C-alpha cells in the first residue's frame, strides 16, 4: 500500500515539470536591472550632475573645515608640550568645538544629500515604470521583474528601457 502511494506520488512529481514547460514557453518574461537604470539612464546621469552641482560648495566647505581641524590637531600635537597650560587648554577647547561643528555639518550634509538622491531616484523610478509599462504593452510581456537574485541574460530588457527613456517614449515627457 505504502509502495503504491509512493510510486504514484513519484510519477506525479515527475510529470509536474513537464506540464510546466508548455506553460512557461507561452509566458513572456523580462527583467530590468534597477542599478543599471540608476547608473546609465539619461535621467539618472542628469540627476547625478545636478546633485553634484547643488552640493559641491557645501562639500568644499566641509573639506576646508576638515583641514582646519587637522591643522589645529597637528599644531596641538607638535607644540602641546611646550605651550603654556592655559594656551594648550584653549587650543584643545577650540579643537573640540571645531571638531563638533565639523561632525554636525558633515551629518547634515549626508542627510541632505541622501534626501535629494532619494527624491531624484523616485522620479527616475516613476519614469522608468511608465516606460516599462509601455514596453510591456507594446511587446506583449506577461511579466517584468526587478531586483532578483539571478536571471538569465536573455531575459534582461534593461537596454530597451534605457533606450525608451532616452528616446522620450516614457509617459512623463
C-alpha atoms as a PDB file:
ATOM      1  CA  UNK A   1       0.000   0.000   0.000  1.00  0.00           C
ATOM      2  CA  UNK A   2       2.712   2.441   1.011  1.00  0.00           C
ATOM      3  CA  UNK A   3       4.699   1.448  -2.040  1.00  0.00           C
ATOM      4  CA  UNK A   4       1.896   2.207  -4.487  1.00  0.00           C
ATOM      5  CA  UNK A   5       1.249   5.604  -2.880  1.00  0.00           C
ATOM      6  CA  UNK A   6       4.942   6.426  -3.040  1.00  0.00           C
ATOM      7  CA  UNK A   7       5.112   5.305  -6.677  1.00  0.00           C
ATOM      8  CA  UNK A   8       2.029   7.324  -7.627  1.00  0.00           C
ATOM      9  CA  UNK A   9       3.433  10.371  -5.836  1.00  0.00           C
ATOM     10  CA  UNK A  10       6.754   9.932  -7.631  1.00  0.00           C
ATOM     11  CA  UNK A  11       5.031   9.727 -11.022  1.00  0.00           C
ATOM     12  CA  UNK A  12       3.009  12.874 -10.264  1.00  0.00           C
ATOM     13  CA  UNK A  13       6.094  14.799  -9.156  1.00  0.00           C
ATOM     14  CA  UNK A  14       7.980  13.716 -12.267  1.00  0.00           C
ATOM     15  CA  UNK A  15       5.107  14.827 -14.512  1.00  0.00           C
ATOM     16  CA  UNK A  16       4.785  18.298 -12.956  1.00  0.00           C
ATOM     17  CA  UNK A  17       7.886  19.799 -14.588  1.00  0.00           C
ATOM     18  CA  UNK A  18       6.766  18.526 -17.996  1.00  0.00           C
ATOM     19  CA  UNK A  19       3.380  20.211 -17.623  1.00  0.00           C
ATOM     20  CA  UNK A  20       5.120  23.433 -16.602  1.00  0.00           C
ATOM     21  CA  UNK A  21       7.323  23.539 -19.682  1.00  0.00           C
ATOM     22  CA  UNK A  22       4.484  24.181 -22.119  1.00  0.00           C
ATOM     23  CA  UNK A  23       3.049  26.914 -19.881  1.00  0.00           C
ATOM     24  CA  UNK A  24       6.461  28.531 -19.439  1.00  0.00           C
ATOM     25  CA  UNK A  25       7.095  28.598 -23.191  1.00  0.00           C
ATOM     26  CA  UNK A  26       3.990  30.710 -23.687  1.00  0.00           C
ATOM     27  CA  UNK A  27       4.886  33.116 -20.889  1.00  0.00           C
ATOM     28  CA  UNK A  28       6.940  36.148 -21.995  1.00  0.00           C
ATOM     29  CA  UNK A  29       9.124  37.352 -19.120  1.00  0.00           C
ATOM     30  CA  UNK A  30      11.524  40.281 -18.923  1.00  0.00           C
ATOM     31  CA  UNK A  31      13.936  41.565 -16.315  1.00  0.00           C
ATOM     32  CA  UNK A  32      15.029  45.150 -15.597  1.00  0.00           C
ATOM     33  CA  UNK A  33      18.266  45.842 -13.722  1.00  0.00           C
ATOM     34  CA  UNK A  34      17.398  48.787 -11.480  1.00  0.00           C
ATOM     35  CA  UNK A  35      21.027  49.509 -10.606  1.00  0.00           C
ATOM     36  CA  UNK A  36      21.880  49.899 -14.294  1.00  0.00           C
ATOM     37  CA  UNK A  37      18.928  52.250 -14.707  1.00  0.00           C
ATOM     38  CA  UNK A  38      20.247  54.436 -11.873  1.00  0.00           C
ATOM     39  CA  UNK A  39      23.710  54.383 -13.425  1.00  0.00           C
ATOM     40  CA  UNK A  40      23.067  54.522 -17.196  1.00  0.00           C
ATOM     41  CA  UNK A  41      19.685  56.107 -17.872  1.00  0.00           C
ATOM     42  CA  UNK A  42      19.946  59.670 -19.216  1.00  0.00           C
ATOM     43  CA  UNK A  43      17.692  60.965 -16.429  1.00  0.00           C
ATOM     44  CA  UNK A  44      19.949  59.333 -13.829  1.00  0.00           C
ATOM     45  CA  UNK A  45      23.104  60.840 -15.337  1.00  0.00           C
ATOM     46  CA  UNK A  46      21.446  64.255 -15.461  1.00  0.00           C
ATOM     47  CA  UNK A  47      20.220  63.928 -11.864  1.00  0.00           C
ATOM     48  CA  UNK A  48      23.685  62.929 -10.641  1.00  0.00           C
ATOM     49  CA  UNK A  49      25.242  66.005 -12.274  1.00  0.00           C
ATOM     50  CA  UNK A  50      22.509  68.225 -10.857  1.00  0.00           C
ATOM     51  CA  UNK A  51      23.045  66.887  -7.326  1.00  0.00           C
ATOM     52  CA  UNK A  52      26.809  67.231  -7.680  1.00  0.00           C
ATOM     53  CA  UNK A  53      26.408  70.894  -8.637  1.00  0.00           C
ATOM     54  CA  UNK A  54      23.964  71.515  -5.787  1.00  0.00           C
ATOM     55  CA  UNK A  55      26.253  70.031  -3.166  1.00  0.00           C
ATOM     56  CA  UNK A  56      29.723  70.905  -4.455  1.00  0.00           C
ATOM     57  CA  UNK A  57      30.018  74.179  -2.500  1.00  0.00           C
ATOM     58  CA  UNK A  58      28.991  72.522   0.763  1.00  0.00           C
ATOM     59  CA  UNK A  59      31.400  69.667   0.072  1.00  0.00           C
ATOM     60  CA  UNK A  60      34.254  72.130  -0.476  1.00  0.00           C
ATOM     61  CA  UNK A  61      33.323  73.946   2.752  1.00  0.00           C
ATOM     62  CA  UNK A  62      33.416  70.639   4.611  1.00  0.00           C
ATOM     63  CA  UNK A  63      36.825  69.827   3.164  1.00  0.00           C
ATOM     64  CA  UNK A  64      38.151  73.215   4.291  1.00  0.00           C
ATOM     65  CA  UNK A  65      36.743  72.665   7.771  1.00  0.00           C
ATOM     66  CA  UNK A  66      38.314  69.198   7.909  1.00  0.00           C
ATOM     67  CA  UNK A  67      41.698  70.726   7.026  1.00  0.00           C
ATOM     68  CA  UNK A  68      41.257  73.294   9.803  1.00  0.00           C
ATOM     69  CA  UNK A  69      40.515  70.543  12.308  1.00  0.00           C
ATOM     70  CA  UNK A  70      43.515  68.541  11.095  1.00  0.00           C
ATOM     71  CA  UNK A  71      45.794  71.598  11.192  1.00  0.00           C
ATOM     72  CA  UNK A  72      44.721  72.536  14.714  1.00  0.00           C
ATOM     73  CA  UNK A  73      45.193  68.955  15.866  1.00  0.00           C
ATOM     74  CA  UNK A  74      48.689  68.779  14.348  1.00  0.00           C
ATOM     75  CA  UNK A  75      49.577  72.121  15.895  1.00  0.00           C
ATOM     76  CA  UNK A  76      48.442  70.871  19.276  1.00  0.00           C
ATOM     77  CA  UNK A  77      50.370  67.604  18.898  1.00  0.00           C
ATOM     78  CA  UNK A  78      53.590  69.345  17.849  1.00  0.00           C
ATOM     79  CA  UNK A  79      53.594  72.237  20.279  1.00  0.00           C
ATOM     80  CA  UNK A  80      51.349  70.944  23.041  1.00  0.00           C
ATOM     81  CA  UNK A  81      54.211  70.025  25.345  1.00  0.00           C
ATOM     82  CA  UNK A  82      55.957  73.402  25.024  1.00  0.00           C
ATOM     83  CA  UNK A  83      52.796  75.540  25.319  1.00  0.00           C
ATOM     84  CA  UNK A  84      51.628  77.151  28.471  1.00  0.00           C
ATOM     85  CA  UNK A  85      48.866  75.182  30.186  1.00  0.00           C
ATOM     86  CA  UNK A  86      46.228  77.852  29.567  1.00  0.00           C
ATOM     87  CA  UNK A  87      47.175  78.155  25.892  1.00  0.00           C
ATOM     88  CA  UNK A  88      47.070  74.373  25.429  1.00  0.00           C
ATOM     89  CA  UNK A  89      43.627  74.168  27.105  1.00  0.00           C
ATOM     90  CA  UNK A  90      42.323  76.982  24.900  1.00  0.00           C
ATOM     91  CA  UNK A  91      43.566  75.176  21.766  1.00  0.00           C
ATOM     92  CA  UNK A  92      42.075  71.880  22.956  1.00  0.00           C
ATOM     93  CA  UNK A  93      38.754  73.640  23.548  1.00  0.00           C
ATOM     94  CA  UNK A  94      38.932  75.227  20.080  1.00  0.00           C
ATOM     95  CA  UNK A  95      39.744  71.835  18.569  1.00  0.00           C
ATOM     96  CA  UNK A  96      36.804  70.166  20.355  1.00  0.00           C
ATOM     97  CA  UNK A  97      34.379  72.895  19.223  1.00  0.00           C
ATOM     98  CA  UNK A  98      35.661  72.847  15.650  1.00  0.00           C
ATOM     99  CA  UNK A  99      35.506  69.061  15.587  1.00  0.00           C
ATOM    100  CA  UNK A 100      31.886  69.071  16.835  1.00  0.00           C
ATOM    101  CA  UNK A 101      30.964  71.701  14.240  1.00  0.00           C
ATOM    102  CA  UNK A 102      32.600  69.620  11.515  1.00  0.00           C
ATOM    103  CA  UNK A 103      30.769  66.457  12.585  1.00  0.00           C
ATOM    104  CA  UNK A 104      27.435  68.308  12.766  1.00  0.00           C
ATOM    105  CA  UNK A 105      27.888  69.848   9.310  1.00  0.00           C
ATOM    106  CA  UNK A 106      29.049  66.538   7.876  1.00  0.00           C
ATOM    107  CA  UNK A 107      25.989  64.748   9.293  1.00  0.00           C
ATOM    108  CA  UNK A 108      23.647  67.443   7.910  1.00  0.00           C
ATOM    109  CA  UNK A 109      25.403  67.253   4.549  1.00  0.00           C
ATOM    110  CA  UNK A 110      24.934  63.474   4.364  1.00  0.00           C
ATOM    111  CA  UNK A 111      21.281  63.701   5.397  1.00  0.00           C
ATOM    112  CA  UNK A 112      20.533  66.422   2.847  1.00  0.00           C
ATOM    113  CA  UNK A 113      22.444  64.565   0.129  1.00  0.00           C
ATOM    114  CA  UNK A 114      20.601  61.307   0.848  1.00  0.00           C
ATOM    115  CA  UNK A 115      17.258  63.127   0.808  1.00  0.00           C
ATOM    116  CA  UNK A 116      17.992  64.722  -2.596  1.00  0.00           C
ATOM    117  CA  UNK A 117      19.259  61.437  -4.027  1.00  0.00           C
ATOM    118  CA  UNK A 118      16.108  59.668  -2.845  1.00  0.00           C
ATOM    119  CA  UNK A 119      13.944  62.385  -4.431  1.00  0.00           C
ATOM    120  CA  UNK A 120      15.762  62.082  -7.757  1.00  0.00           C
ATOM    121  CA  UNK A 121      15.711  58.271  -7.617  1.00  0.00           C
ATOM    122  CA  UNK A 122      11.947  58.312  -7.023  1.00  0.00           C
ATOM    123  CA  UNK A 123      11.473  60.478 -10.115  1.00  0.00           C
ATOM    124  CA  UNK A 124      13.697  58.155 -12.169  1.00  0.00           C
ATOM    125  CA  UNK A 125      11.799  55.087 -10.985  1.00  0.00           C
ATOM    126  CA  UNK A 126       8.487  56.740 -11.829  1.00  0.00           C
ATOM    127  CA  UNK A 127       9.653  57.489 -15.383  1.00  0.00           C
ATOM    128  CA  UNK A 128      11.172  54.007 -15.723  1.00  0.00           C
ATOM    129  CA  UNK A 129       7.985  52.324 -14.531  1.00  0.00           C
ATOM    130  CA  UNK A 130       5.989  54.211 -17.154  1.00  0.00           C
ATOM    131  CA  UNK A 131       8.490  53.204 -19.845  1.00  0.00           C
ATOM    132  CA  UNK A 132       8.413  49.584 -18.629  1.00  0.00           C
ATOM    133  CA  UNK A 133       4.608  49.559 -18.725  1.00  0.00           C
ATOM    134  CA  UNK A 134       4.617  50.913 -22.285  1.00  0.00           C
ATOM    135  CA  UNK A 135       7.258  48.358 -23.297  1.00  0.00           C
ATOM    136  CA  UNK A 136       5.232  45.554 -21.694  1.00  0.00           C
ATOM    137  CA  UNK A 137       2.127  46.664 -23.579  1.00  0.00           C
ATOM    138  CA  UNK A 138       3.828  47.145 -26.944  1.00  0.00           C
ATOM    139  CA  UNK A 139       5.889  43.929 -26.839  1.00  0.00           C
ATOM    140  CA  UNK A 140       3.248  41.798 -25.087  1.00  0.00           C
ATOM    141  CA  UNK A 141       5.196  40.870 -21.931  1.00  0.00           C
ATOM    142  CA  UNK A 142       3.322  38.817 -19.352  1.00  0.00           C
ATOM    143  CA  UNK A 143       5.731  39.565 -16.515  1.00  0.00           C
ATOM    144  CA  UNK A 144       8.571  42.031 -15.971  1.00  0.00           C
ATOM    145  CA  UNK A 145      10.567  41.728 -12.750  1.00  0.00           C
ATOM    146  CA  UNK A 146      13.191  43.782 -10.958  1.00  0.00           C
ATOM    147  CA  UNK A 147      15.614  43.012  -8.132  1.00  0.00           C
ATOM    148  CA  UNK A 148      16.072  39.258  -8.441  1.00  0.00           C
ATOM    149  CA  UNK A 149      18.835  37.026  -7.136  1.00  0.00           C
ATOM    150  CA  UNK A 150      19.736  35.680 -10.567  1.00  0.00           C
ATOM    151  CA  UNK A 151      18.335  36.000 -14.060  1.00  0.00           C
ATOM    152  CA  UNK A 152      19.347  34.719 -17.452  1.00  0.00           C
ATOM    153  CA  UNK A 153      20.852  37.491 -19.611  1.00  0.00           C
ATOM    154  CA  UNK A 154      18.394  36.630 -22.404  1.00  0.00           C
ATOM    155  CA  UNK A 155      15.546  37.958 -20.230  1.00  0.00           C
ATOM    156  CA  UNK A 156      17.288  41.265 -19.482  1.00  0.00           C
ATOM    157  CA  UNK A 157      15.396  44.138 -21.145  1.00  0.00           C
ATOM    158  CA  UNK A 158      17.228  46.921 -19.290  1.00  0.00           C
ATOM    159  CA  UNK A 159      18.769  48.228 -22.520  1.00  0.00           C
ATOM    160  CA  UNK A 160      15.315  48.558 -24.064  1.00  0.00           C
ATOM    161  CA  UNK A 161      14.072  50.518 -21.039  1.00  0.00           C
ATOM    162  CA  UNK A 162      17.115  52.815 -21.092  1.00  0.00           C
ATOM    163  CA  UNK A 163      16.577  53.364 -24.811  1.00  0.00           C
ATOM    164  CA  UNK A 164      12.900  54.133 -24.201  1.00  0.00           C
ATOM    165  CA  UNK A 165      13.888  56.657 -21.534  1.00  0.00           C
ATOM    166  CA  UNK A 166      16.442  58.321 -23.807  1.00  0.00           C
ATOM    167  CA  UNK A 167      14.066  58.344 -26.775  1.00  0.00           C
ATOM    168  CA  UNK A 168      11.490  60.052 -24.632  1.00  0.00           C
ATOM    169  CA  UNK A 169       8.913  57.286 -25.059  1.00  0.00           C
ATOM    170  CA  UNK A 170       8.140  57.395 -21.349  1.00  0.00           C
ATOM    171  CA  UNK A 171       4.822  58.984 -20.465  1.00  0.00           C
ATOM    172  CA  UNK A 172       6.461  61.631 -18.282  1.00  0.00           C
ATOM    173  CA  UNK A 173       7.604  63.588 -21.317  1.00  0.00           C
END
